[in-house]
């Protein structure tokens, strides 16, 4: 069983009304994948940012409104792409299985 905080990452100190937030968790067979990388690609496929996942498999980006692709790179797994739509005042939660 995952020891992650219920509901995912803490948003303490984040003004959600003024941000477009893309966050989530990378899982393998239902278990969190730490030390994976999640890349944020814009609507044209250009690299924008990359973050490592935490020990609980969590990641977070702050982005502008629009379509984004999350490309997940994890050990012993093929890359996984997931398209999401970010919007100011909303939190996109993405659970990615590798």
C-alpha atoms as a PDB file:
ATOM      1  CA  UNK A   1       0.000   0.000   0.000  1.00  0.00           C
ATOM      2  CA  UNK A   2       1.236   3.465  -0.853  1.00  0.00           C
ATOM      3  CA  UNK A   3       2.254   5.701   2.041  1.00  0.00           C
ATOM      4  CA  UNK A   4       1.431   8.908   0.143  1.00  0.00           C
ATOM      5  CA  UNK A   5      -0.643  11.666   1.679  1.00  0.00           C
ATOM      6  CA  UNK A   6      -4.329  11.214   0.890  1.00  0.00           C
ATOM      7  CA  UNK A   7      -5.236  13.513  -1.981  1.00  0.00           C
ATOM      8  CA  UNK A   8      -1.661  13.792  -3.229  1.00  0.00           C
ATOM      9  CA  UNK A   9       0.743  16.672  -2.796  1.00  0.00           C
ATOM     10  CA  UNK A  10       0.082  19.454  -0.310  1.00  0.00           C
ATOM     11  CA  UNK A  11      -1.125  22.749  -1.768  1.00  0.00           C
ATOM     12  CA  UNK A  12      -0.326  24.747   1.373  1.00  0.00           C
ATOM     13  CA  UNK A  13       0.822  28.219   0.343  1.00  0.00           C
ATOM     14  CA  UNK A  14      -0.317  27.827  -3.279  1.00  0.00           C
ATOM     15  CA  UNK A  15      -2.981  30.238  -4.525  1.00  0.00           C
ATOM     16  CA  UNK A  16      -4.843  27.727  -6.688  1.00  0.00           C
ATOM     17  CA  UNK A  17      -7.139  30.462  -8.063  1.00  0.00           C
ATOM     18  CA  UNK A  18      -4.146  32.139  -9.748  1.00  0.00           C
ATOM     19  CA  UNK A  19      -2.320  29.040 -11.021  1.00  0.00           C
ATOM     20  CA  UNK A  20      -2.769  26.325 -13.645  1.00  0.00           C
ATOM     21  CA  UNK A  21      -1.478  23.232 -11.881  1.00  0.00           C
ATOM     22  CA  UNK A  22      -0.626  19.886 -13.436  1.00  0.00           C
ATOM     23  CA  UNK A  23       0.271  17.227 -10.909  1.00  0.00           C
ATOM     24  CA  UNK A  24      -0.028  13.541 -10.345  1.00  0.00           C
ATOM     25  CA  UNK A  25       1.618  10.275  -9.541  1.00  0.00           C
ATOM     26  CA  UNK A  26       3.563   7.673 -11.492  1.00  0.00           C
ATOM     27  CA  UNK A  27       2.676   4.071 -10.644  1.00  0.00           C
ATOM     28  CA  UNK A  28       3.819   0.585 -11.646  1.00  0.00           C
ATOM     29  CA  UNK A  29       1.469  -2.258 -10.724  1.00  0.00           C
ATOM     30  CA  UNK A  30      -0.279   0.125  -8.310  1.00  0.00           C
ATOM     31  CA  UNK A  31       2.930   1.062  -6.482  1.00  0.00           C
ATOM     32  CA  UNK A  32       4.602   4.499  -6.630  1.00  0.00           C
ATOM     33  CA  UNK A  33       7.632   4.920  -8.885  1.00  0.00           C
ATOM     34  CA  UNK A  34      10.245   7.201  -7.327  1.00  0.00           C
ATOM     35  CA  UNK A  35      13.170   8.478  -9.393  1.00  0.00           C
ATOM     36  CA  UNK A  36      11.207   8.524 -12.636  1.00  0.00           C
ATOM     37  CA  UNK A  37      11.151  11.724 -14.695  1.00  0.00           C
ATOM     38  CA  UNK A  38       8.128  13.567 -16.009  1.00  0.00           C
ATOM     39  CA  UNK A  39       8.658  16.011 -18.859  1.00  0.00           C
ATOM     40  CA  UNK A  40       6.277  18.815 -19.762  1.00  0.00           C
ATOM     41  CA  UNK A  41       5.969  19.356 -23.516  1.00  0.00           C
ATOM     42  CA  UNK A  42       3.997  22.228 -25.046  1.00  0.00           C
ATOM     43  CA  UNK A  43       1.299  21.852 -27.721  1.00  0.00           C
ATOM     44  CA  UNK A  44       3.980  21.694 -30.448  1.00  0.00           C
ATOM     45  CA  UNK A  45       5.925  18.959 -28.645  1.00  0.00           C
ATOM     46  CA  UNK A  46       8.720  21.290 -27.494  1.00  0.00           C
ATOM     47  CA  UNK A  47      10.392  20.510 -24.161  1.00  0.00           C
ATOM     48  CA  UNK A  48       9.393  23.004 -21.459  1.00  0.00           C
ATOM     49  CA  UNK A  49      10.358  21.439 -18.122  1.00  0.00           C
ATOM     50  CA  UNK A  50      11.269  18.217 -16.372  1.00  0.00           C
ATOM     51  CA  UNK A  51      10.945  17.069 -12.763  1.00  0.00           C
ATOM     52  CA  UNK A  52      11.907  13.863 -10.971  1.00  0.00           C
ATOM     53  CA  UNK A  53       9.168  12.054  -9.109  1.00  0.00           C
ATOM     54  CA  UNK A  54       9.311  11.975  -5.333  1.00  0.00           C
ATOM     55  CA  UNK A  55       9.739   8.746  -3.377  1.00  0.00           C
ATOM     56  CA  UNK A  56       5.927   8.507  -3.474  1.00  0.00           C
ATOM     57  CA  UNK A  57       5.893   8.913  -7.266  1.00  0.00           C
ATOM     58  CA  UNK A  58       4.435  12.442  -7.182  1.00  0.00           C
ATOM     59  CA  UNK A  59       5.224  15.353  -9.505  1.00  0.00           C
ATOM     60  CA  UNK A  60       3.886  18.908 -10.063  1.00  0.00           C
ATOM     61  CA  UNK A  61       4.127  21.594 -12.729  1.00  0.00           C
ATOM     62  CA  UNK A  62       2.812  25.161 -12.878  1.00  0.00           C
ATOM     63  CA  UNK A  63       1.890  25.958 -16.471  1.00  0.00           C
ATOM     64  CA  UNK A  64      -0.076  28.417 -18.557  1.00  0.00           C
ATOM     65  CA  UNK A  65      -3.519  27.578 -19.913  1.00  0.00           C
ATOM     66  CA  UNK A  66      -3.645  25.163 -22.807  1.00  0.00           C
ATOM     67  CA  UNK A  67      -2.793  21.684 -23.979  1.00  0.00           C
ATOM     68  CA  UNK A  68       0.294  19.960 -22.602  1.00  0.00           C
ATOM     69  CA  UNK A  69       1.874  16.531 -22.933  1.00  0.00           C
ATOM     70  CA  UNK A  70       3.338  14.720 -19.932  1.00  0.00           C
ATOM     71  CA  UNK A  71       6.090  12.340 -21.032  1.00  0.00           C
ATOM     72  CA  UNK A  72       7.038   9.903 -18.294  1.00  0.00           C
ATOM     73  CA  UNK A  73      10.408   8.175 -18.319  1.00  0.00           C
ATOM     74  CA  UNK A  74      10.896   5.417 -15.755  1.00  0.00           C
ATOM     75  CA  UNK A  75      13.482   2.663 -15.331  1.00  0.00           C
ATOM     76  CA  UNK A  76      12.575  -0.584 -17.116  1.00  0.00           C
ATOM     77  CA  UNK A  77       9.547   0.993 -18.842  1.00  0.00           C
ATOM     78  CA  UNK A  78       8.731   2.441 -22.231  1.00  0.00           C
ATOM     79  CA  UNK A  79       8.043   6.206 -22.250  1.00  0.00           C
ATOM     80  CA  UNK A  80       4.395   7.050 -21.598  1.00  0.00           C
ATOM     81  CA  UNK A  81       2.725  10.186 -23.024  1.00  0.00           C
ATOM     82  CA  UNK A  82      -0.436  11.716 -21.560  1.00  0.00           C
ATOM     83  CA  UNK A  83      -2.146  14.829 -22.968  1.00  0.00           C
ATOM     84  CA  UNK A  84      -3.769  17.179 -20.447  1.00  0.00           C
ATOM     85  CA  UNK A  85      -5.512  20.554 -20.566  1.00  0.00           C
ATOM     86  CA  UNK A  86      -4.364  23.145 -18.021  1.00  0.00           C
ATOM     87  CA  UNK A  87      -6.582  26.011 -16.910  1.00  0.00           C
ATOM     88  CA  UNK A  88      -5.980  28.785 -14.404  1.00  0.00           C
ATOM     89  CA  UNK A  89      -7.851  28.033 -11.199  1.00  0.00           C
ATOM     90  CA  UNK A  90      -7.901  24.291 -11.834  1.00  0.00           C
ATOM     91  CA  UNK A  91      -5.761  21.343 -10.816  1.00  0.00           C
ATOM     92  CA  UNK A  92      -5.163  18.611 -13.357  1.00  0.00           C
ATOM     93  CA  UNK A  93      -4.575  15.291 -11.573  1.00  0.00           C
ATOM     94  CA  UNK A  94      -2.812  12.711 -13.739  1.00  0.00           C
ATOM     95  CA  UNK A  95      -2.211   9.146 -12.623  1.00  0.00           C
ATOM     96  CA  UNK A  96       0.299   7.569 -14.994  1.00  0.00           C
ATOM     97  CA  UNK A  97       0.938   3.837 -15.138  1.00  0.00           C
ATOM     98  CA  UNK A  98       4.246   2.603 -16.537  1.00  0.00           C
END
